[in-house]
Amino acid sequence: MIVRAIAGKEQDQFLLVTRQDGNFVYLADGKHRKLTQPKRKNPKHVRATGKILTQEDLQSLTDPALRRLLRAYQESALQGGE
């Protein structure tokens, strides 16, 4: 799922939730937070966008592809898509 950070250093950035564990979600952006080392964040500090990636999309996703995906999502949100 793609989320928007509403608090912290990543505020207003779009990120991908790679997994959820207990009281935390793990987020990646492909640049500062790679898919192999996602950032742990409180779910209260993110807002869901409604965009969900399929399991097949996630299996073939790389860091550069994630950056392109999030950049395109950011641009569409700025144009009023969200």
PDB file of N, CA and C in Angstrom:
ATOM      1  N   MET A   1       0.841  -1.165   0.000  1.00  0.00           N
ATOM      2  CA  MET A   1       0.000   0.000   0.000  1.00  0.00           C
ATOM      3  C   MET A   1       0.893   1.237   0.000  1.00  0.00           C
ATOM      4  N   ILE A   2       0.477   2.238  -0.736  1.00  0.00           N
ATOM      5  CA  ILE A   2       1.184   3.510  -0.737  1.00  0.00           C
ATOM      6  C   ILE A   2       0.528   4.413   0.291  1.00  0.00           C
ATOM      7  N   VAL A   3       1.353   5.052   1.113  1.00  0.00           N
ATOM      8  CA  VAL A   3       0.862   5.944   2.161  1.00  0.00           C
ATOM      9  C   VAL A   3       1.582   7.277   2.054  1.00  0.00           C
ATOM     10  N   ARG A   4       1.009   8.278   2.710  1.00  0.00           N
ATOM     11  CA  ARG A   4       1.634   9.596   2.800  1.00  0.00           C
ATOM     12  C   ARG A   4       1.999   9.834   4.260  1.00  0.00           C
ATOM     13  N   ALA A   5       3.256  10.192   4.509  1.00  0.00           N
ATOM     14  CA  ALA A   5       3.698  10.484   5.872  1.00  0.00           C
ATOM     15  C   ALA A   5       3.108  11.819   6.301  1.00  0.00           C
ATOM     16  N   ILE A   6       2.523  11.852   7.488  1.00  0.00           N
ATOM     17  CA  ILE A   6       1.942  13.096   7.985  1.00  0.00           C
ATOM     18  C   ILE A   6       2.721  13.641   9.175  1.00  0.00           C
ATOM     19  N   ALA A   7       3.796  12.961   9.574  1.00  0.00           N
ATOM     20  CA  ALA A   7       4.629  13.426  10.675  1.00  0.00           C
ATOM     21  C   ALA A   7       6.042  12.896  10.491  1.00  0.00           C
ATOM     22  N   GLY A   8       6.994  13.600  11.090  1.00  0.00           N
ATOM     23  CA  GLY A   8       8.381  13.157  11.042  1.00  0.00           C
ATOM     24  C   GLY A   8       9.160  13.773   9.902  1.00  0.00           C
ATOM     25  N   LYS A   9      10.377  13.279   9.712  1.00  0.00           N
ATOM     26  CA  LYS A   9      11.255  13.805   8.661  1.00  0.00           C
ATOM     27  C   LYS A   9      10.669  13.600   7.269  1.00  0.00           C
ATOM     28  N   GLU A  10       9.877  12.564   7.103  1.00  0.00           N
ATOM     29  CA  GLU A  10       9.314  12.213   5.804  1.00  0.00           C
ATOM     30  C   GLU A  10       7.983  12.898   5.533  1.00  0.00           C
ATOM     31  N   GLN A  11       7.597  13.872   6.336  1.00  0.00           N
ATOM     32  CA  GLN A  11       6.279  14.493   6.219  1.00  0.00           C
ATOM     33  C   GLN A  11       5.994  14.903   4.772  1.00  0.00           C
ATOM     34  N   ASP A  12       4.792  14.566   4.303  1.00  0.00           N
ATOM     35  CA  ASP A  12       4.289  14.849   2.955  1.00  0.00           C
ATOM     36  C   ASP A  12       4.955  14.021   1.861  1.00  0.00           C
ATOM     37  N   GLN A  13       5.756  13.054   2.210  1.00  0.00           N
ATOM     38  CA  GLN A  13       6.336  12.159   1.211  1.00  0.00           C
ATOM     39  C   GLN A  13       5.453  10.923   1.066  1.00  0.00           C
ATOM     40  N   PHE A  14       5.457  10.356  -0.136  1.00  0.00           N
ATOM     41  CA  PHE A  14       4.759   9.103  -0.371  1.00  0.00           C
ATOM     42  C   PHE A  14       5.747   7.965  -0.174  1.00  0.00           C
ATOM     43  N   LEU A  15       5.285   6.923   0.502  1.00  0.00           N
ATOM     44  CA  LEU A  15       6.124   5.786   0.842  1.00  0.00           C
ATOM     45  C   LEU A  15       5.341   4.497   0.626  1.00  0.00           C
ATOM     46  N   LEU A  16       6.049   3.407   0.503  1.00  0.00           N
ATOM     47  CA  LEU A  16       5.430   2.100   0.340  1.00  0.00           C
ATOM     48  C   LEU A  16       5.518   1.332   1.644  1.00  0.00           C
ATOM     49  N   VAL A  17       4.395   0.801   2.101  1.00  0.00           N
ATOM     50  CA  VAL A  17       4.386  -0.059   3.278  1.00  0.00           C
ATOM     51  C   VAL A  17       4.840  -1.436   2.812  1.00  0.00           C
ATOM     52  N   THR A  18       5.978  -1.875   3.337  1.00  0.00           N
ATOM     53  CA  THR A  18       6.499  -3.180   2.937  1.00  0.00           C
ATOM     54  C   THR A  18       5.955  -4.295   3.808  1.00  0.00           C
ATOM     55  N   ARG A  19       5.682  -3.962   5.086  1.00  0.00           N
ATOM     56  CA  ARG A  19       5.066  -4.940   5.980  1.00  0.00           C
ATOM     57  C   ARG A  19       4.549  -4.230   7.215  1.00  0.00           C
ATOM     58  N   GLN A  20       3.753  -4.958   7.977  1.00  0.00           N
ATOM     59  CA  GLN A  20       3.220  -4.447   9.229  1.00  0.00           C
ATOM     60  C   GLN A  20       3.536  -5.480  10.299  1.00  0.00           C
ATOM     61  N   ASP A  21       4.030  -5.000  11.429  1.00  0.00           N
ATOM     62  CA  ASP A  21       4.453  -5.897  12.494  1.00  0.00           C
ATOM     63  C   ASP A  21       4.027  -5.302  13.826  1.00  0.00           C
ATOM     64  N   GLY A  22       3.038  -5.882  14.450  1.00  0.00           N
ATOM     65  CA  GLY A  22       2.583  -5.383  15.740  1.00  0.00           C
ATOM     66  C   GLY A  22       2.051  -3.969  15.635  1.00  0.00           C
ATOM     67  N   ASN A  23       2.702  -3.050  16.339  1.00  0.00           N
ATOM     68  CA  ASN A  23       2.257  -1.660  16.364  1.00  0.00           C
ATOM     69  C   ASN A  23       3.018  -0.765  15.404  1.00  0.00           C
ATOM     70  N   PHE A  24       3.722  -1.332  14.435  1.00  0.00           N
ATOM     71  CA  PHE A  24       4.532  -0.531  13.524  1.00  0.00           C
ATOM     72  C   PHE A  24       4.304  -0.954  12.076  1.00  0.00           C
ATOM     73  N   VAL A  25       4.545  -0.006  11.174  1.00  0.00           N
ATOM     74  CA  VAL A  25       4.593  -0.304   9.749  1.00  0.00           C
ATOM     75  C   VAL A  25       6.022  -0.039   9.297  1.00  0.00           C
ATOM     76  N   TYR A  26       6.438  -0.709   8.259  1.00  0.00           N
ATOM     77  CA  TYR A  26       7.781  -0.561   7.717  1.00  0.00           C
ATOM     78  C   TYR A  26       7.663   0.057   6.342  1.00  0.00           C
ATOM     79  N   LEU A  27       8.357   1.181   6.143  1.00  0.00           N
ATOM     80  CA  LEU A  27       8.190   1.997   4.946  1.00  0.00           C
ATOM     81  C   LEU A  27       9.480   2.088   4.151  1.00  0.00           C
ATOM     82  N   ALA A  28       9.332   2.122   2.826  1.00  0.00           N
ATOM     83  CA  ALA A  28      10.475   2.279   1.934  1.00  0.00           C
ATOM     84  C   ALA A  28      10.141   3.324   0.884  1.00  0.00           C
ATOM     85  N   ASP A  29      11.181   4.069   0.453  1.00  0.00           N
ATOM     86  CA  ASP A  29      11.001   5.033  -0.628  1.00  0.00           C
ATOM     87  C   ASP A  29      11.929   4.745  -1.799  1.00  0.00           C
ATOM     88  N   GLY A  30      12.813   3.764  -1.658  1.00  0.00           N
ATOM     89  CA  GLY A  30      13.708   3.380  -2.736  1.00  0.00           C
ATOM     90  C   GLY A  30      14.971   4.208  -2.806  1.00  0.00           C
ATOM     91  N   LYS A  31      15.041   5.316  -2.060  1.00  0.00           N
ATOM     92  CA  LYS A  31      16.233   6.153  -2.094  1.00  0.00           C
ATOM     93  C   LYS A  31      16.889   6.198  -0.711  1.00  0.00           C
ATOM     94  N   HIS A  32      16.255   6.848   0.233  1.00  0.00           N
ATOM     95  CA  HIS A  32      16.809   6.933   1.580  1.00  0.00           C
ATOM     96  C   HIS A  32      16.523   5.657   2.375  1.00  0.00           C
ATOM     97  N   ARG A  33      15.383   5.086   2.136  1.00  0.00           N
ATOM     98  CA  ARG A  33      14.994   3.836   2.784  1.00  0.00           C
ATOM     99  C   ARG A  33      14.760   2.796   1.707  1.00  0.00           C
ATOM    100  N   LYS A  34      15.705   1.885   1.591  1.00  0.00           N
ATOM    101  CA  LYS A  34      15.640   0.841   0.562  1.00  0.00           C
ATOM    102  C   LYS A  34      14.620  -0.224   0.945  1.00  0.00           C
ATOM    103  N   LEU A  35      14.239  -1.015  -0.034  1.00  0.00           N
ATOM    104  CA  LEU A  35      13.308  -2.112   0.214  1.00  0.00           C
ATOM    105  C   LEU A  35      13.895  -3.142   1.182  1.00  0.00           C
ATOM    106  N   THR A  36      15.210  -3.270   1.182  1.00  0.00           N
ATOM    107  CA  THR A  36      15.852  -4.239   2.069  1.00  0.00           C
ATOM    108  C   THR A  36      15.993  -3.733   3.493  1.00  0.00           C
ATOM    109  N   GLN A  37      15.940  -2.412   3.702  1.00  0.00           N
ATOM    110  CA  GLN A  37      16.048  -1.837   5.040  1.00  0.00           C
ATOM    111  C   GLN A  37      15.001  -0.733   5.223  1.00  0.00           C
ATOM    112  N   PRO A  38      13.738  -1.116   5.353  1.00  0.00           N
ATOM    113  CA  PRO A  38      12.683  -0.106   5.497  1.00  0.00           C
ATOM    114  C   PRO A  38      12.715   0.569   6.863  1.00  0.00           C
ATOM    115  N   LYS A  39      12.082   1.732   6.933  1.00  0.00           N
ATOM    116  CA  LYS A  39      12.011   2.495   8.182  1.00  0.00           C
ATOM    117  C   LYS A  39      10.802   2.047   8.987  1.00  0.00           C
ATOM    118  N   ARG A  40      10.992   1.870  10.275  1.00  0.00           N
ATOM    119  CA  ARG A  40       9.893   1.520  11.171  1.00  0.00           C
ATOM    120  C   ARG A  40       9.200   2.811  11.595  1.00  0.00           C
ATOM    121  N   LYS A  41       7.865   2.832  11.491  1.00  0.00           N
ATOM    122  CA  LYS A  41       7.119   4.038  11.814  1.00  0.00           C
ATOM    123  C   LYS A  41       5.791   3.677  12.447  1.00  0.00           C
ATOM    124  N   ASN A  42       5.326   4.539  13.323  1.00  0.00           N
ATOM    125  CA  ASN A  42       4.028   4.372  13.955  1.00  0.00           C
ATOM    126  C   ASN A  42       2.934   4.585  12.895  1.00  0.00           C
ATOM    127  N   PRO A  43       1.967   3.695  12.787  1.00  0.00           N
ATOM    128  CA  PRO A  43       0.922   3.857  11.766  1.00  0.00           C
ATOM    129  C   PRO A  43       0.069   5.115  11.958  1.00  0.00           C
ATOM    130  N   LYS A  44       0.096   5.701  13.143  1.00  0.00           N
ATOM    131  CA  LYS A  44      -0.632   6.952  13.363  1.00  0.00           C
ATOM    132  C   LYS A  44      -0.013   8.102  12.587  1.00  0.00           C
ATOM    133  N   HIS A  45       1.234   7.948  12.167  1.00  0.00           N
ATOM    134  CA  HIS A  45       1.958   9.011  11.484  1.00  0.00           C
ATOM    135  C   HIS A  45       1.912   8.904   9.968  1.00  0.00           C
ATOM    136  N   VAL A  46       1.086   8.003   9.451  1.00  0.00           N
ATOM    137  CA  VAL A  46       0.913   7.882   8.006  1.00  0.00           C
ATOM    138  C   VAL A  46      -0.573   7.863   7.673  1.00  0.00           C
ATOM    139  N   ARG A  47      -0.876   8.250   6.450  1.00  0.00           N
ATOM    140  CA  ARG A  47      -2.258   8.246   5.987  1.00  0.00           C
ATOM    141  C   ARG A  47      -2.330   7.424   4.703  1.00  0.00           C
ATOM    142  N   ALA A  48      -3.266   6.495   4.659  1.00  0.00           N
ATOM    143  CA  ALA A  48      -3.416   5.625   3.493  1.00  0.00           C
ATOM    144  C   ALA A  48      -3.914   6.432   2.299  1.00  0.00           C
ATOM    145  N   THR A  49      -3.427   6.080   1.112  1.00  0.00           N
ATOM    146  CA  THR A  49      -3.863   6.755  -0.105  1.00  0.00           C
ATOM    147  C   THR A  49      -4.912   5.939  -0.857  1.00  0.00           C
ATOM    148  N   GLY A  50      -5.032   4.678  -0.529  1.00  0.00           N
ATOM    149  CA  GLY A  50      -5.976   3.817  -1.239  1.00  0.00           C
ATOM    150  C   GLY A  50      -5.342   3.046  -2.377  1.00  0.00           C
ATOM    151  N   LYS A  51      -4.093   3.350  -2.732  1.00  0.00           N
ATOM    152  CA  LYS A  51      -3.389   2.650  -3.806  1.00  0.00           C
ATOM    153  C   LYS A  51      -2.720   1.417  -3.218  1.00  0.00           C
ATOM    154  N   ILE A  52      -3.142   0.256  -3.696  1.00  0.00           N
ATOM    155  CA  ILE A  52      -2.596  -1.009  -3.199  1.00  0.00           C
ATOM    156  C   ILE A  52      -1.919  -1.731  -4.359  1.00  0.00           C
ATOM    157  N   LEU A  53      -0.706  -2.188  -4.123  1.00  0.00           N
ATOM    158  CA  LEU A  53       0.029  -2.945  -5.129  1.00  0.00           C
ATOM    159  C   LEU A  53      -0.255  -4.425  -4.949  1.00  0.00           C
ATOM    160  N   THR A  54      -0.288  -5.138  -6.048  1.00  0.00           N
ATOM    161  CA  THR A  54      -0.528  -6.577  -5.979  1.00  0.00           C
ATOM    162  C   THR A  54       0.751  -7.290  -5.541  1.00  0.00           C
ATOM    163  N   GLN A  55       0.602  -8.516  -5.144  1.00  0.00           N
ATOM    164  CA  GLN A  55       1.737  -9.322  -4.712  1.00  0.00           C
ATOM    165  C   GLN A  55       2.729  -9.501  -5.858  1.00  0.00           C
ATOM    166  N   GLU A  56       2.237  -9.609  -7.086  1.00  0.00           N
ATOM    167  CA  GLU A  56       3.123  -9.765  -8.243  1.00  0.00           C
ATOM    168  C   GLU A  56       3.936  -8.502  -8.473  1.00  0.00           C
ATOM    169  N   ASP A  57       3.308  -7.332  -8.265  1.00  0.00           N
ATOM    170  CA  ASP A  57       4.029  -6.066  -8.399  1.00  0.00           C
ATOM    171  C   ASP A  57       5.158  -5.977  -7.387  1.00  0.00           C
ATOM    172  N   LEU A  58       4.890  -6.409  -6.168  1.00  0.00           N
ATOM    173  CA  LEU A  58       5.882  -6.312  -5.106  1.00  0.00           C
ATOM    174  C   LEU A  58       7.063  -7.249  -5.333  1.00  0.00           C
ATOM    175  N   GLN A  59       6.821  -8.414  -5.907  1.00  0.00           N
ATOM    176  CA  GLN A  59       7.896  -9.376  -6.110  1.00  0.00           C
ATOM    177  C   GLN A  59       8.904  -8.882  -7.130  1.00  0.00           C
ATOM    178  N   SER A  60       8.453  -8.135  -8.135  1.00  0.00           N
ATOM    179  CA  SER A  60       9.366  -7.665  -9.169  1.00  0.00           C
ATOM    180  C   SER A  60       9.835  -6.233  -8.927  1.00  0.00           C
ATOM    181  N   LEU A  61       9.470  -5.642  -7.801  1.00  0.00           N
ATOM    182  CA  LEU A  61       9.791  -4.249  -7.519  1.00  0.00           C
ATOM    183  C   LEU A  61      11.239  -4.095  -7.071  1.00  0.00           C
ATOM    184  N   THR A  62      11.923  -3.131  -7.675  1.00  0.00           N
ATOM    185  CA  THR A  62      13.292  -2.784  -7.287  1.00  0.00           C
ATOM    186  C   THR A  62      13.278  -1.364  -6.734  1.00  0.00           C
ATOM    187  N   ASP A  63      14.382  -0.949  -6.136  1.00  0.00           N
ATOM    188  CA  ASP A  63      14.454   0.407  -5.587  1.00  0.00           C
ATOM    189  C   ASP A  63      14.266   1.484  -6.670  1.00  0.00           C
ATOM    190  N   PRO A  64      14.942   1.377  -7.832  1.00  0.00           N
ATOM    191  CA  PRO A  64      14.704   2.387  -8.868  1.00  0.00           C
ATOM    192  C   PRO A  64      13.250   2.386  -9.371  1.00  0.00           C
ATOM    193  N   ALA A  65      12.648   1.211  -9.497  1.00  0.00           N
ATOM    194  CA  ALA A  65      11.250   1.140  -9.933  1.00  0.00           C
ATOM    195  C   ALA A  65      10.330   1.750  -8.880  1.00  0.00           C
ATOM    196  N   LEU A  66      10.642   1.543  -7.612  1.00  0.00           N
ATOM    197  CA  LEU A  66       9.846   2.133  -6.538  1.00  0.00           C
ATOM    198  C   LEU A  66       9.944   3.653  -6.574  1.00  0.00           C
ATOM    199  N   ARG A  67      11.152   4.193  -6.815  1.00  0.00           N
ATOM    200  CA  ARG A  67      11.303   5.644  -6.906  1.00  0.00           C
ATOM    201  C   ARG A  67      10.467   6.210  -8.039  1.00  0.00           C
ATOM    202  N   ARG A  68      10.472   5.539  -9.193  1.00  0.00           N
ATOM    203  CA  ARG A  68       9.663   6.003 -10.332  1.00  0.00           C
ATOM    204  C   ARG A  68       8.175   5.949 -10.009  1.00  0.00           C
ATOM    205  N   LEU A  69       7.745   4.879  -9.368  1.00  0.00           N
ATOM    206  CA  LEU A  69       6.339   4.715  -9.008  1.00  0.00           C
ATOM    207  C   LEU A  69       5.887   5.816  -8.049  1.00  0.00           C
ATOM    208  N   LEU A  70       6.687   6.071  -7.018  1.00  0.00           N
ATOM    209  CA  LEU A  70       6.328   7.082  -6.029  1.00  0.00           C
ATOM    210  C   LEU A  70       6.398   8.490  -6.620  1.00  0.00           C
ATOM    211  N   ARG A  71       7.358   8.732  -7.514  1.00  0.00           N
ATOM    212  CA  ARG A  71       7.456  10.041  -8.166  1.00  0.00           C
ATOM    213  C   ARG A  71       6.222  10.296  -9.023  1.00  0.00           C
ATOM    214  N   ALA A  72       5.785   9.297  -9.764  1.00  0.00           N
ATOM    215  CA  ALA A  72       4.582   9.435 -10.584  1.00  0.00           C
ATOM    216  C   ALA A  72       3.358   9.651  -9.701  1.00  0.00           C
ATOM    217  N   TYR A  73       3.296   8.964  -8.585  1.00  0.00           N
ATOM    218  CA  TYR A  73       2.163   9.124  -7.672  1.00  0.00           C
ATOM    219  C   TYR A  73       2.177  10.513  -7.048  1.00  0.00           C
ATOM    220  N   GLN A  74       3.359  11.015  -6.706  1.00  0.00           N
ATOM    221  CA  GLN A  74       3.509  12.355  -6.137  1.00  0.00           C
ATOM    222  C   GLN A  74       3.032  13.407  -7.149  1.00  0.00           C
ATOM    223  N   GLU A  75       3.447  13.258  -8.409  1.00  0.00           N
ATOM    224  CA  GLU A  75       3.055  14.221  -9.436  1.00  0.00           C
ATOM    225  C   GLU A  75       1.552  14.212  -9.671  1.00  0.00           C
ATOM    226  N   SER A  76       0.942  13.033  -9.668  1.00  0.00           N
ATOM    227  CA  SER A  76      -0.512  12.976  -9.869  1.00  0.00           C
ATOM    228  C   SER A  76      -1.251  13.562  -8.684  1.00  0.00           C
ATOM    229  N   ALA A  77      -0.684  13.422  -7.476  1.00  0.00           N
ATOM    230  CA  ALA A  77      -1.315  13.988  -6.285  1.00  0.00           C
ATOM    231  C   ALA A  77      -1.217  15.511  -6.320  1.00  0.00           C
ATOM    232  N   LEU A  78      -0.122  16.034  -6.818  1.00  0.00           N
ATOM    233  CA  LEU A  78       0.034  17.479  -6.906  1.00  0.00           C
ATOM    234  C   LEU A  78      -0.916  18.090  -7.928  1.00  0.00           C
ATOM    235  N   GLN A  79      -1.290  17.304  -8.917  1.00  0.00           N
ATOM    236  CA  GLN A  79      -2.222  17.775  -9.937  1.00  0.00           C
ATOM    237  C   GLN A  79      -3.665  17.561  -9.532  1.00  0.00           C
ATOM    238  N   GLY A  80      -3.873  17.132  -8.297  1.00  0.00           N
ATOM    239  CA  GLY A  80      -5.240  16.947  -7.798  1.00  0.00           C
ATOM    240  C   GLY A  80      -5.773  15.544  -7.925  1.00  0.00           C
ATOM    241  N   GLY A  81      -4.878  14.581  -8.179  1.00  0.00           N
ATOM    242  CA  GLY A  81      -5.293  13.200  -8.343  1.00  0.00           C
ATOM    243  C   GLY A  81      -5.658  12.515  -7.040  1.00  0.00           C
ATOM    244  N   GLU A  82      -5.159  13.020  -5.926  1.00  0.00           N
ATOM    245  CA  GLU A  82      -5.468  12.368  -4.634  1.00  0.00           C
ATOM    246  C   GLU A  82      -6.564  13.107  -3.941  1.00  0.00           C
TER     247      GLU A  82
END
